[in-house]
Amino acid sequence: MAFNEQLADLLRQELKERSIPFEEKKMMGGLCIMVDDKMCVGVIKDDLMARVGPHVYDEALARPNAREMDFTKRPMKGYLYVNADGWDNNEELREWVNLCLIFNKEAKSSKKK
C-alpha cells in the first residue's frame, strides 16, 4: 500500500511555511522526512509517524489517536503513530510537527561522516 500523499503534502507545506529545510526519503513502505540529517516525521500508510523522543513519549502516547510505533512488532520508544483523526486539522498537525522538531534538535544523526 502506498503512503498517504495528502498527509505528505501537508507535512511539506508545514515545514516550508516555517522555512525549515528538509529531505525526503522513501523507507519502510512510507515516507520519512529528515531534518538536519535526522529522521523527524513521516508517513506510513495513512498514519503520521512522529519521532517525539523519550522525554515526552508517555505524554504524547496518552493523546487521543496516538499509539506505539510497532513497525518491527516491538514498540519503538520515542516514536508514535498518529491516525488520521489525530492530524486531520492544521492545528493538530502543527502540534505534532512541533513535538518532532523540538526533539530533532537533540536527536543524533545516524548519517555516516
N, C-alpha and C. Protein backbone atom coordinates (compact mmCIF):
# COMPACT_ATOMS: atom_id res chain seq x y z
N MET A 1 0.83 -1.18 0.00
CA MET A 1 0.00 0.00 0.00
C MET A 1 0.88 1.25 0.00
N ALA A 2 0.52 2.21 -0.78
CA ALA A 2 1.26 3.46 -0.84
C ALA A 2 0.94 4.31 0.39
N PHE A 3 1.79 5.29 0.64
CA PHE A 3 1.54 6.18 1.78
C PHE A 3 0.60 7.30 1.37
N ASN A 4 0.01 7.93 2.35
CA ASN A 4 -0.98 8.98 2.16
C ASN A 4 -0.30 10.26 1.63
N GLU A 5 -0.48 10.52 0.35
CA GLU A 5 0.14 11.68 -0.29
C GLU A 5 -0.40 13.00 0.25
N GLN A 6 -1.67 13.02 0.64
CA GLN A 6 -2.25 14.24 1.21
C GLN A 6 -1.52 14.62 2.50
N LEU A 7 -1.29 13.65 3.36
CA LEU A 7 -0.55 13.91 4.60
C LEU A 7 0.87 14.35 4.28
N ALA A 8 1.51 13.69 3.32
CA ALA A 8 2.87 14.08 2.93
C ALA A 8 2.89 15.53 2.46
N ASP A 9 1.91 15.93 1.67
CA ASP A 9 1.84 17.32 1.19
C ASP A 9 1.63 18.29 2.35
N LEU A 10 0.80 17.91 3.31
CA LEU A 10 0.57 18.78 4.48
C LEU A 10 1.85 18.96 5.29
N LEU A 11 2.62 17.89 5.44
CA LEU A 11 3.89 17.98 6.17
C LEU A 11 4.88 18.87 5.41
N ARG A 12 4.96 18.68 4.10
CA ARG A 12 5.85 19.52 3.28
C ARG A 12 5.48 20.99 3.43
N GLN A 13 4.20 21.28 3.32
CA GLN A 13 3.71 22.65 3.42
C GLN A 13 4.03 23.25 4.79
N GLU A 14 3.80 22.47 5.84
CA GLU A 14 4.06 22.95 7.20
C GLU A 14 5.53 23.30 7.38
N LEU A 15 6.43 22.46 6.90
CA LEU A 15 7.86 22.73 7.05
C LEU A 15 8.31 23.89 6.17
N LYS A 16 7.76 23.98 4.97
CA LYS A 16 8.11 25.10 4.08
C LYS A 16 7.65 26.43 4.67
N GLU A 17 6.46 26.45 5.26
CA GLU A 17 5.95 27.68 5.88
C GLU A 17 6.85 28.14 7.03
N ARG A 18 7.50 27.21 7.68
CA ARG A 18 8.42 27.53 8.78
C ARG A 18 9.85 27.77 8.29
N SER A 19 10.05 27.65 6.99
CA SER A 19 11.38 27.81 6.37
C SER A 19 12.39 26.82 6.94
N ILE A 20 11.92 25.59 7.17
CA ILE A 20 12.79 24.54 7.69
C ILE A 20 13.23 23.65 6.52
N PRO A 21 14.53 23.60 6.25
CA PRO A 21 15.00 22.73 5.17
C PRO A 21 14.81 21.26 5.57
N PHE A 22 14.41 20.46 4.62
CA PHE A 22 14.19 19.04 4.89
C PHE A 22 14.52 18.22 3.65
N GLU A 23 14.67 16.95 3.88
CA GLU A 23 14.95 15.99 2.82
C GLU A 23 13.96 14.85 2.98
N GLU A 24 13.52 14.30 1.88
CA GLU A 24 12.57 13.19 1.92
C GLU A 24 13.27 11.90 1.52
N LYS A 25 12.93 10.83 2.22
CA LYS A 25 13.45 9.51 1.88
C LYS A 25 12.31 8.51 1.96
N LYS A 26 12.18 7.72 0.92
CA LYS A 26 11.19 6.65 0.98
C LYS A 26 11.82 5.48 1.71
N MET A 27 11.15 5.06 2.77
CA MET A 27 11.64 3.91 3.54
C MET A 27 10.48 3.28 4.30
N MET A 28 10.62 2.05 4.61
CA MET A 28 9.62 1.29 5.37
C MET A 28 8.25 1.32 4.69
N GLY A 29 8.24 1.43 3.37
CA GLY A 29 6.97 1.47 2.65
C GLY A 29 6.26 2.80 2.79
N GLY A 30 6.93 3.78 3.33
CA GLY A 30 6.33 5.09 3.54
C GLY A 30 7.31 6.18 3.17
N LEU A 31 7.11 7.34 3.77
CA LEU A 31 7.95 8.49 3.51
C LEU A 31 8.50 9.01 4.83
N CYS A 32 9.79 9.20 4.86
CA CYS A 32 10.45 9.76 6.04
C CYS A 32 10.94 11.15 5.68
N ILE A 33 10.66 12.11 6.54
CA ILE A 33 11.14 13.47 6.34
C ILE A 33 12.27 13.70 7.34
N MET A 34 13.42 14.01 6.76
CA MET A 34 14.64 14.22 7.54
C MET A 34 14.87 15.72 7.70
N VAL A 35 15.22 16.12 8.92
CA VAL A 35 15.60 17.50 9.21
C VAL A 35 16.98 17.43 9.85
N ASP A 36 17.93 18.15 9.31
CA ASP A 36 19.32 18.12 9.79
C ASP A 36 19.89 16.70 9.78
N ASP A 37 19.59 15.97 8.73
CA ASP A 37 20.08 14.59 8.55
C ASP A 37 19.57 13.64 9.63
N LYS A 38 18.43 13.96 10.25
CA LYS A 38 17.85 13.11 11.28
C LYS A 38 16.39 12.84 10.96
N MET A 39 15.96 11.60 11.20
CA MET A 39 14.56 11.25 11.00
C MET A 39 13.73 12.11 11.94
N CYS A 40 12.76 12.82 11.36
CA CYS A 40 11.97 13.74 12.17
C CYS A 40 10.50 13.35 12.22
N VAL A 41 9.89 13.20 11.07
CA VAL A 41 8.47 12.93 10.96
C VAL A 41 8.26 12.16 9.66
N GLY A 42 7.13 11.51 9.51
CA GLY A 42 6.91 10.78 8.27
C GLY A 42 5.48 10.30 8.12
N VAL A 43 5.31 9.50 7.09
CA VAL A 43 4.00 8.95 6.75
C VAL A 43 4.17 7.45 6.51
N ILE A 44 3.40 6.65 7.20
CA ILE A 44 3.34 5.21 6.98
C ILE A 44 1.87 4.89 6.72
N LYS A 45 1.58 4.45 5.51
CA LYS A 45 0.20 4.23 5.06
C LYS A 45 -0.60 5.50 5.29
N ASP A 46 -1.61 5.48 6.16
CA ASP A 46 -2.41 6.67 6.45
C ASP A 46 -2.05 7.31 7.78
N ASP A 47 -0.99 6.83 8.42
CA ASP A 47 -0.61 7.33 9.74
C ASP A 47 0.54 8.32 9.66
N LEU A 48 0.49 9.28 10.55
CA LEU A 48 1.62 10.16 10.78
C LEU A 48 2.60 9.40 11.66
N MET A 49 3.86 9.38 11.30
CA MET A 49 4.90 8.80 12.13
C MET A 49 5.60 9.97 12.80
N ALA A 50 5.54 10.02 14.12
CA ALA A 50 6.11 11.15 14.86
C ALA A 50 7.25 10.67 15.75
N ARG A 51 8.41 11.29 15.56
CA ARG A 51 9.55 11.00 16.43
C ARG A 51 9.60 12.09 17.48
N VAL A 52 9.03 11.80 18.63
CA VAL A 52 8.90 12.79 19.70
C VAL A 52 9.97 12.65 20.77
N GLY A 53 10.68 11.55 20.77
CA GLY A 53 11.73 11.33 21.75
C GLY A 53 11.22 10.81 23.08
N PRO A 54 12.14 10.41 23.94
CA PRO A 54 11.75 9.77 25.21
C PRO A 54 11.19 10.72 26.26
N HIS A 55 11.53 12.00 26.20
CA HIS A 55 11.12 12.93 27.27
C HIS A 55 9.62 13.19 27.30
N VAL A 56 8.98 13.22 26.14
CA VAL A 56 7.54 13.49 26.09
C VAL A 56 6.75 12.30 25.57
N TYR A 57 7.43 11.17 25.44
CA TYR A 57 6.80 9.99 24.84
C TYR A 57 5.52 9.58 25.55
N ASP A 58 5.56 9.39 26.85
CA ASP A 58 4.38 8.91 27.58
C ASP A 58 3.22 9.90 27.48
N GLU A 59 3.54 11.17 27.59
CA GLU A 59 2.51 12.21 27.49
C GLU A 59 1.90 12.22 26.08
N ALA A 60 2.75 12.13 25.06
CA ALA A 60 2.25 12.12 23.68
C ALA A 60 1.46 10.86 23.39
N LEU A 61 1.90 9.74 23.92
CA LEU A 61 1.20 8.47 23.72
C LEU A 61 -0.20 8.50 24.32
N ALA A 62 -0.39 9.27 25.37
CA ALA A 62 -1.69 9.36 26.03
C ALA A 62 -2.68 10.23 25.25
N ARG A 63 -2.21 10.94 24.25
CA ARG A 63 -3.10 11.79 23.45
C ARG A 63 -4.03 10.92 22.61
N PRO A 64 -5.24 11.41 22.35
CA PRO A 64 -6.16 10.65 21.51
C PRO A 64 -5.56 10.39 20.13
N ASN A 65 -5.80 9.23 19.60
CA ASN A 65 -5.40 8.84 18.25
C ASN A 65 -3.92 8.52 18.09
N ALA A 66 -3.17 8.51 19.19
CA ALA A 66 -1.75 8.14 19.14
C ALA A 66 -1.60 6.72 19.65
N ARG A 67 -0.64 6.01 19.09
CA ARG A 67 -0.36 4.65 19.56
C ARG A 67 1.13 4.36 19.35
N GLU A 68 1.60 3.32 20.01
CA GLU A 68 3.01 2.94 19.88
C GLU A 68 3.35 2.62 18.44
N MET A 69 4.53 3.01 18.03
CA MET A 69 5.01 2.61 16.72
C MET A 69 5.63 1.24 16.88
N ASP A 70 4.97 0.25 16.33
CA ASP A 70 5.43 -1.13 16.48
C ASP A 70 5.71 -1.75 15.11
N PHE A 71 6.41 -0.99 14.28
CA PHE A 71 6.71 -1.42 12.92
C PHE A 71 7.41 -2.76 12.90
N THR A 72 8.28 -3.00 13.86
CA THR A 72 9.04 -4.25 13.92
C THR A 72 8.37 -5.27 14.85
N LYS A 73 7.11 -5.04 15.18
CA LYS A 73 6.33 -5.87 16.12
C LYS A 73 6.76 -5.66 17.56
N ARG A 74 7.67 -4.71 17.77
CA ARG A 74 8.05 -4.30 19.12
C ARG A 74 7.96 -2.77 19.16
N PRO A 75 7.44 -2.22 20.24
CA PRO A 75 7.33 -0.76 20.31
C PRO A 75 8.70 -0.10 20.20
N MET A 76 8.74 1.00 19.47
CA MET A 76 9.97 1.77 19.33
C MET A 76 9.83 3.01 20.20
N LYS A 77 10.55 3.04 21.30
CA LYS A 77 10.46 4.14 22.26
C LYS A 77 10.83 5.45 21.58
N GLY A 78 9.99 6.44 21.78
CA GLY A 78 10.24 7.75 21.20
C GLY A 78 9.54 7.98 19.88
N TYR A 79 8.98 6.92 19.30
CA TYR A 79 8.27 7.02 18.02
C TYR A 79 6.80 6.65 18.22
N LEU A 80 5.91 7.36 17.55
CA LEU A 80 4.48 7.11 17.64
C LEU A 80 3.85 7.09 16.26
N TYR A 81 2.75 6.40 16.17
CA TYR A 81 1.85 6.53 15.03
C TYR A 81 0.68 7.38 15.49
N VAL A 82 0.20 8.24 14.61
CA VAL A 82 -0.99 9.03 14.89
C VAL A 82 -1.95 8.81 13.73
N ASN A 83 -3.15 8.31 14.03
CA ASN A 83 -4.09 8.04 12.94
C ASN A 83 -4.69 9.35 12.43
N ALA A 84 -5.44 9.26 11.34
CA ALA A 84 -5.94 10.44 10.64
C ALA A 84 -6.78 11.36 11.53
N ASP A 85 -7.51 10.81 12.48
CA ASP A 85 -8.31 11.66 13.37
C ASP A 85 -7.43 12.55 14.25
N GLY A 86 -6.17 12.19 14.39
CA GLY A 86 -5.25 12.96 15.23
C GLY A 86 -4.46 14.02 14.49
N TRP A 87 -4.56 14.06 13.17
CA TRP A 87 -3.84 15.08 12.40
C TRP A 87 -4.70 15.73 11.32
N ASP A 88 -6.01 15.51 11.36
CA ASP A 88 -6.86 15.96 10.26
C ASP A 88 -7.18 17.45 10.25
N ASN A 89 -6.70 18.19 11.23
CA ASN A 89 -6.83 19.65 11.11
C ASN A 89 -5.45 20.28 11.29
N ASN A 90 -5.28 21.48 10.79
CA ASN A 90 -3.97 22.12 10.77
C ASN A 90 -3.37 22.30 12.16
N GLU A 91 -4.21 22.62 13.13
CA GLU A 91 -3.70 22.86 14.48
C GLU A 91 -3.11 21.58 15.08
N GLU A 92 -3.83 20.47 14.93
CA GLU A 92 -3.32 19.20 15.46
C GLU A 92 -2.03 18.78 14.76
N LEU A 93 -2.01 18.91 13.45
CA LEU A 93 -0.80 18.55 12.70
C LEU A 93 0.36 19.42 13.14
N ARG A 94 0.12 20.71 13.28
CA ARG A 94 1.16 21.65 13.71
C ARG A 94 1.72 21.26 15.08
N GLU A 95 0.86 20.84 16.00
CA GLU A 95 1.31 20.42 17.33
C GLU A 95 2.23 19.20 17.25
N TRP A 96 1.86 18.23 16.42
CA TRP A 96 2.70 17.04 16.27
C TRP A 96 4.04 17.40 15.64
N VAL A 97 4.01 18.24 14.62
CA VAL A 97 5.26 18.67 13.98
C VAL A 97 6.12 19.42 14.99
N ASN A 98 5.52 20.25 15.84
CA ASN A 98 6.27 20.96 16.88
C ASN A 98 7.00 19.98 17.79
N LEU A 99 6.30 18.96 18.27
CA LEU A 99 6.94 17.97 19.14
C LEU A 99 8.12 17.30 18.44
N CYS A 100 7.95 16.98 17.18
CA CYS A 100 9.02 16.32 16.42
C CYS A 100 10.21 17.25 16.23
N LEU A 101 9.96 18.50 15.92
CA LEU A 101 11.06 19.45 15.71
C LEU A 101 11.80 19.76 17.00
N ILE A 102 11.09 19.80 18.11
CA ILE A 102 11.75 20.03 19.41
C ILE A 102 12.73 18.90 19.69
N PHE A 103 12.27 17.65 19.51
CA PHE A 103 13.18 16.53 19.76
C PHE A 103 14.29 16.48 18.73
N ASN A 104 14.01 16.87 17.50
CA ASN A 104 15.01 16.79 16.44
C ASN A 104 16.28 17.57 16.81
N LYS A 105 16.14 18.64 17.55
CA LYS A 105 17.30 19.44 17.94
C LYS A 105 18.28 18.65 18.79
N GLU A 106 17.78 17.72 19.60
CA GLU A 106 18.67 16.94 20.47
C GLU A 106 18.96 15.54 19.95
N ALA A 107 18.24 15.11 18.93
CA ALA A 107 18.46 13.77 18.36
C ALA A 107 19.83 13.71 17.69
N LYS A 108 20.36 12.53 17.63
CA LYS A 108 21.65 12.31 16.98
C LYS A 108 21.43 11.87 15.54
N SER A 109 22.28 12.36 14.67
CA SER A 109 22.21 11.96 13.27
C SER A 109 22.84 10.58 13.10
N SER A 110 22.24 9.77 12.27
CA SER A 110 22.82 8.46 12.00
C SER A 110 23.62 8.48 10.69
N LYS A 111 23.74 9.67 10.11
CA LYS A 111 24.47 9.82 8.86
C LYS A 111 25.95 9.55 9.08
N LYS A 112 26.52 8.74 8.21
CA LYS A 112 27.94 8.44 8.29
C LYS A 112 28.75 9.63 7.80
N LYS A 113 29.80 9.95 8.52
CA LYS A 113 30.64 11.09 8.13
C LYS A 113 31.81 10.63 7.32
